[in-house]
Amino acid sequence: MRRIKLTVAYDGTAYCGWQIQPNGITVEEVLNRALSRLTGEEIHVTGASRTDAGVHARGNVAVFDTASAIPSERLAYAVNPFLPEDIVVVKSEEVPAEWHPRYQNSVKTYEYHILNREMPDPLRRRDSWHVSFPLDLDKMRAAAVHLVGEHDFRSFCSIHTGAKTTVRTICSLDIEKSEDLITIRISGNGFLYNMVRIIAGTLTEVGRGFRTPEEVNDILDAGARKQAGATAPPQGLVLAGIEYEQ
């Protein structure tokens, strides 16, 4: 048996997230079905990040075990014809049998996209959050500074989280604007349930003037979800990539 690592990109609009569940089709389910058809085996992939319904990815990672003789680097080309157009395996490679995508030291990078203009763009409705009010990027960047580093992010995660600890480290948090598209790019050693979307929602409230940048420290100290901003909608979120320590 060999263990194969996949780098997977997908448009999450049509899916109920990554993880298999009874209420709808998921990315994991579609991958399992395609790989099983390709190899003639019963394949079950294990993903690095269980993205939510409507969330996208350019670089999610998954592994599976197979006895197939297809060369590891060719598996991506072989499986893509069995996948719908909104899911693509962009890379495949062999890894050691004990390698697990969730238990390696890594840095995950997410992007949150905000379309900041008066009228929505129907061509961007699937991959960005339309905010019609002007946003002050300088204030948003000033607020973001308070989130970088190791903190208890209990205020910035869903109350339904099952995490043993809510302490996480954000390595970088950058906010850029190109024409009318604002990109919040955040990298860290791990993220809590809805953490990036709550951060995006809170920074947007700062940008609108509903909160001051300094209030972010108070939100962190409070340790209560109700103190942070609204959860931004899923379609603006993209798992950009995962970098693993060699």
Protein backbone atom coordinates (compact mmCIF):
# COMPACT_ATOMS: atom_id res chain seq x y z
CA MET A 1 0.00 0.00 0.00
CA ARG A 2 1.11 3.55 -0.74
CA ARG A 3 -0.06 6.79 0.84
CA ILE A 4 -0.82 9.54 -1.65
CA LYS A 5 -1.05 13.22 -0.79
CA LEU A 6 -3.40 15.36 -2.88
CA THR A 7 -3.57 19.13 -3.19
CA VAL A 8 -7.18 19.97 -3.99
CA ALA A 9 -8.87 23.13 -5.28
CA TYR A 10 -12.62 23.59 -5.36
CA ASP A 11 -15.49 26.01 -5.66
CA GLY A 12 -17.49 25.18 -2.55
CA THR A 13 -20.76 26.78 -3.68
CA ALA A 14 -22.55 23.53 -4.50
CA TYR A 15 -21.28 21.56 -1.50
CA CYS A 16 -22.22 21.15 2.15
CA GLY A 17 -18.59 21.57 3.11
CA TRP A 18 -15.69 19.12 3.00
CA GLN A 19 -16.67 16.42 5.46
CA ILE A 20 -19.19 13.69 4.61
CA GLN A 21 -22.56 14.32 6.23
CA PRO A 22 -26.13 13.09 5.75
CA ASN A 23 -27.73 16.37 4.66
CA GLY A 24 -26.06 16.88 1.29
CA ILE A 25 -23.18 16.26 -1.10
CA THR A 26 -19.66 17.14 0.11
CA VAL A 27 -16.22 17.53 -1.47
CA GLU A 28 -14.87 14.52 0.46
CA GLU A 29 -17.70 12.33 -0.82
CA VAL A 30 -17.09 13.33 -4.43
CA LEU A 31 -13.34 12.68 -4.13
CA ASN A 32 -13.94 9.26 -2.56
CA ARG A 33 -16.26 8.31 -5.39
CA ALA A 34 -13.89 9.49 -8.13
CA LEU A 35 -10.81 7.80 -6.66
CA SER A 36 -12.73 4.57 -6.07
CA ARG A 37 -13.82 4.52 -9.72
CA LEU A 38 -10.26 5.19 -10.86
CA THR A 39 -8.51 2.58 -8.70
CA GLY A 40 -11.21 -0.07 -8.35
CA GLU A 41 -10.70 0.13 -4.58
CA GLU A 42 -12.86 1.53 -1.79
CA ILE A 43 -11.07 4.82 -1.15
CA HIS A 44 -11.58 7.11 1.85
CA VAL A 45 -9.60 10.35 1.84
CA THR A 46 -8.55 12.20 4.98
CA GLY A 47 -8.49 15.98 4.65
CA ALA A 48 -6.36 18.59 6.39
CA SER A 49 -9.12 21.18 6.72
CA ARG A 50 -12.85 20.54 7.03
CA THR A 51 -14.09 23.63 5.23
CA ASP A 52 -17.71 24.68 5.78
CA ALA A 53 -20.57 24.79 3.31
CA GLY A 54 -19.95 27.36 0.59
CA VAL A 55 -16.27 27.86 1.45
CA HIS A 56 -13.69 27.48 -1.32
CA ALA A 57 -10.12 26.20 -1.52
CA ARG A 58 -7.10 26.58 -3.77
CA GLY A 59 -4.86 24.37 -1.65
CA ASN A 60 -6.61 21.98 0.70
CA VAL A 61 -4.68 18.76 1.36
CA ALA A 62 -5.88 15.17 1.64
CA VAL A 63 -4.33 11.71 1.75
CA PHE A 64 -5.50 8.21 0.90
CA ASP A 65 -4.00 4.73 0.81
CA THR A 66 -3.96 2.65 -2.35
CA ALA A 67 -2.47 -0.46 -3.92
CA SER A 68 -2.89 1.06 -7.39
CA ALA A 69 0.14 1.00 -9.69
CA ILE A 70 -0.63 4.44 -11.14
CA PRO A 71 2.49 6.60 -10.60
CA SER A 72 1.84 9.01 -7.73
CA GLU A 73 2.60 12.13 -9.77
CA ARG A 74 0.17 11.00 -12.48
CA LEU A 75 -2.77 10.34 -10.17
CA ALA A 76 -3.87 13.99 -10.34
CA TYR A 77 -4.15 13.77 -14.14
CA ALA A 78 -5.87 10.39 -13.95
CA VAL A 79 -8.57 11.32 -11.43
CA ASN A 80 -9.57 14.75 -12.72
CA PRO A 81 -11.70 13.36 -15.61
CA PHE A 82 -13.81 11.59 -12.94
CA LEU A 83 -14.42 14.85 -11.04
CA PRO A 84 -16.91 17.66 -11.70
CA GLU A 85 -15.55 20.92 -13.03
CA ASP A 86 -15.73 22.63 -9.63
CA ILE A 87 -13.23 20.22 -8.01
CA VAL A 88 -9.66 19.79 -9.30
CA VAL A 89 -6.73 17.81 -7.93
CA VAL A 90 -3.85 20.14 -8.75
CA LYS A 91 -1.03 17.93 -7.45
CA SER A 92 -0.44 14.35 -6.27
CA GLU A 93 2.64 12.86 -4.61
CA GLU A 94 3.64 9.90 -2.44
CA VAL A 95 4.31 10.47 1.26
CA PRO A 96 5.41 8.15 4.09
CA ALA A 97 2.75 5.73 5.35
CA GLU A 98 2.52 7.51 8.72
CA TRP A 99 2.16 11.01 7.25
CA HIS A 100 -1.14 12.62 8.31
CA PRO A 101 -2.34 16.03 7.00
CA ARG A 102 -3.77 17.18 10.33
CA TYR A 103 -0.97 16.06 12.64
CA GLN A 104 2.04 17.70 10.94
CA ASN A 105 3.41 21.09 11.92
CA SER A 106 2.03 23.48 9.36
CA VAL A 107 0.96 27.03 8.55
CA LYS A 108 -2.46 27.52 6.98
CA THR A 109 -3.29 30.58 4.93
CA TYR A 110 -6.82 31.80 4.33
CA GLU A 111 -8.08 34.70 2.25
CA TYR A 112 -11.33 36.53 2.78
CA HIS A 113 -12.60 38.60 -0.17
CA ILE A 114 -14.84 41.64 0.23
CA LEU A 115 -16.33 43.37 -2.81
CA ASN A 116 -16.48 46.96 -1.57
CA ARG A 117 -18.62 48.97 -3.98
CA GLU A 118 -22.06 50.50 -4.07
CA MET A 119 -23.66 47.87 -6.31
CA PRO A 120 -23.04 44.12 -6.28
CA ASP A 121 -21.31 42.38 -9.17
CA PRO A 122 -23.26 39.28 -10.24
CA LEU A 123 -20.03 37.72 -11.53
CA ARG A 124 -18.48 37.89 -8.04
CA ARG A 125 -21.46 36.67 -6.02
CA ARG A 126 -19.97 33.19 -5.52
CA ASP A 127 -16.51 34.22 -4.30
CA SER A 128 -16.86 37.47 -2.33
CA TRP A 129 -18.98 39.28 0.24
CA HIS A 130 -20.57 42.43 -1.12
CA VAL A 131 -20.29 45.36 1.32
CA SER A 132 -21.81 48.52 -0.11
CA PHE A 133 -20.61 50.93 2.62
CA PRO A 134 -17.13 52.50 2.36
CA LEU A 135 -14.52 50.75 4.50
CA ASP A 136 -11.54 52.49 6.09
CA LEU A 137 -8.59 50.20 5.36
CA ASP A 138 -6.22 52.09 7.65
CA LYS A 139 -8.50 51.43 10.63
CA MET A 140 -8.91 47.79 9.62
CA ARG A 141 -5.13 47.36 9.41
CA ALA A 142 -4.68 49.04 12.78
CA ALA A 143 -7.18 46.59 14.29
CA ALA A 144 -5.52 43.61 12.60
CA VAL A 145 -2.21 44.34 14.35
CA HIS A 146 -3.79 43.40 17.70
CA LEU A 147 -4.63 39.90 16.40
CA VAL A 148 -1.12 38.92 15.29
CA GLY A 149 0.75 36.62 17.67
CA GLU A 150 -0.39 34.04 20.19
CA HIS A 151 -3.76 34.78 21.78
CA ASP A 152 -6.78 33.07 23.23
CA PHE A 153 -9.27 33.43 20.36
CA ARG A 154 -12.31 32.21 22.29
CA SER A 155 -14.16 35.41 21.32
CA PHE A 156 -13.46 34.70 17.64
CA CYS A 157 -14.85 31.19 17.35
CA SER A 158 -18.28 29.60 17.24
CA ILE A 159 -19.78 28.70 20.59
CA HIS A 160 -20.16 25.19 19.17
CA THR A 161 -16.42 24.59 18.89
CA GLY A 162 -15.14 21.31 20.28
CA ALA A 163 -11.51 22.42 20.46
CA LYS A 164 -9.56 21.46 23.58
CA THR A 165 -7.88 24.86 23.62
CA THR A 166 -8.79 28.15 21.94
CA VAL A 167 -5.22 29.47 21.96
CA ARG A 168 -3.85 29.94 18.45
CA THR A 169 -0.99 31.82 16.80
CA ILE A 170 -1.54 34.16 13.86
CA CYS A 171 1.74 34.63 11.98
CA SER A 172 0.55 37.40 9.69
CA LEU A 173 -2.63 39.32 8.86
CA ASP A 174 -2.53 41.59 5.81
CA ILE A 175 -5.28 43.64 4.22
CA GLU A 176 -4.92 44.80 0.61
CA LYS A 177 -7.23 46.41 -1.91
CA SER A 178 -7.16 46.12 -5.70
CA GLU A 179 -9.76 48.30 -7.38
CA ASP A 180 -12.94 47.41 -5.44
CA LEU A 181 -11.81 44.04 -4.05
CA ILE A 182 -10.44 43.90 -0.49
CA THR A 183 -8.45 40.79 0.45
CA ILE A 184 -7.85 39.88 4.08
CA ARG A 185 -4.98 37.35 4.07
CA ILE A 186 -4.33 35.53 7.33
CA SER A 187 -1.76 32.84 8.15
CA GLY A 188 -1.49 30.81 11.34
CA ASN A 189 -0.73 27.48 12.96
CA GLY A 190 -4.41 26.58 13.16
CA PHE A 191 -7.87 28.10 13.17
CA LEU A 192 -10.96 27.57 15.27
CA TYR A 193 -14.45 26.94 13.91
CA ASN A 194 -15.57 30.10 12.01
CA MET A 195 -12.52 32.00 13.33
CA VAL A 196 -11.49 33.60 10.04
CA ARG A 197 -15.05 34.59 9.16
CA ILE A 198 -15.59 36.18 12.59
CA ILE A 199 -12.31 38.07 12.26
CA ALA A 200 -13.41 39.28 8.82
CA GLY A 201 -16.78 40.36 10.18
CA THR A 202 -15.18 42.20 13.11
CA LEU A 203 -12.62 43.99 10.93
CA THR A 204 -15.43 45.05 8.60
CA GLU A 205 -17.26 46.63 11.55
CA VAL A 206 -14.06 48.52 12.38
CA GLY A 207 -13.81 49.64 8.76
CA ARG A 208 -17.36 50.98 8.89
CA GLY A 209 -16.63 52.92 12.08
CA PHE A 210 -18.85 50.80 14.35
CA ARG A 211 -15.81 49.86 16.46
CA THR A 212 -12.39 51.36 17.08
CA PRO A 213 -9.21 49.42 16.27
CA GLU A 214 -8.33 49.37 19.96
CA GLU A 215 -11.54 47.52 20.82
CA VAL A 216 -10.05 44.35 19.34
CA ASN A 217 -7.89 43.99 22.46
CA ASP A 218 -11.01 44.22 24.63
CA ILE A 219 -12.70 41.56 22.51
CA LEU A 220 -9.75 39.21 22.96
CA ASP A 221 -9.69 39.82 26.71
CA ALA A 222 -13.44 39.22 27.06
CA GLY A 223 -13.24 35.60 25.94
CA ALA A 224 -16.87 35.69 24.83
CA ARG A 225 -18.23 35.18 21.31
CA LYS A 226 -20.92 37.86 21.74
CA GLN A 227 -18.25 40.56 22.08
CA ALA A 228 -16.88 40.07 18.54
CA GLY A 229 -18.50 41.05 15.27
CA ALA A 230 -20.86 39.14 13.03
CA THR A 231 -19.71 36.03 11.18
CA ALA A 232 -18.98 37.02 7.59
CA PRO A 233 -20.74 34.87 4.96
CA PRO A 234 -18.98 31.74 3.67
CA GLN A 235 -18.63 32.56 -0.01
CA GLY A 236 -15.87 35.12 0.62
CA LEU A 237 -13.57 32.58 2.30
CA VAL A 238 -10.84 30.63 0.50
CA LEU A 239 -8.33 28.19 1.97
CA ALA A 240 -5.38 29.49 -0.02
CA GLY A 241 -2.85 26.85 1.01
CA ILE A 242 -1.10 24.80 3.69
CA GLU A 243 2.68 24.81 4.14
CA TYR A 244 4.15 21.83 5.98
CA GLU A 245 7.48 21.66 7.76
CA GLN A 246 9.91 19.46 5.89
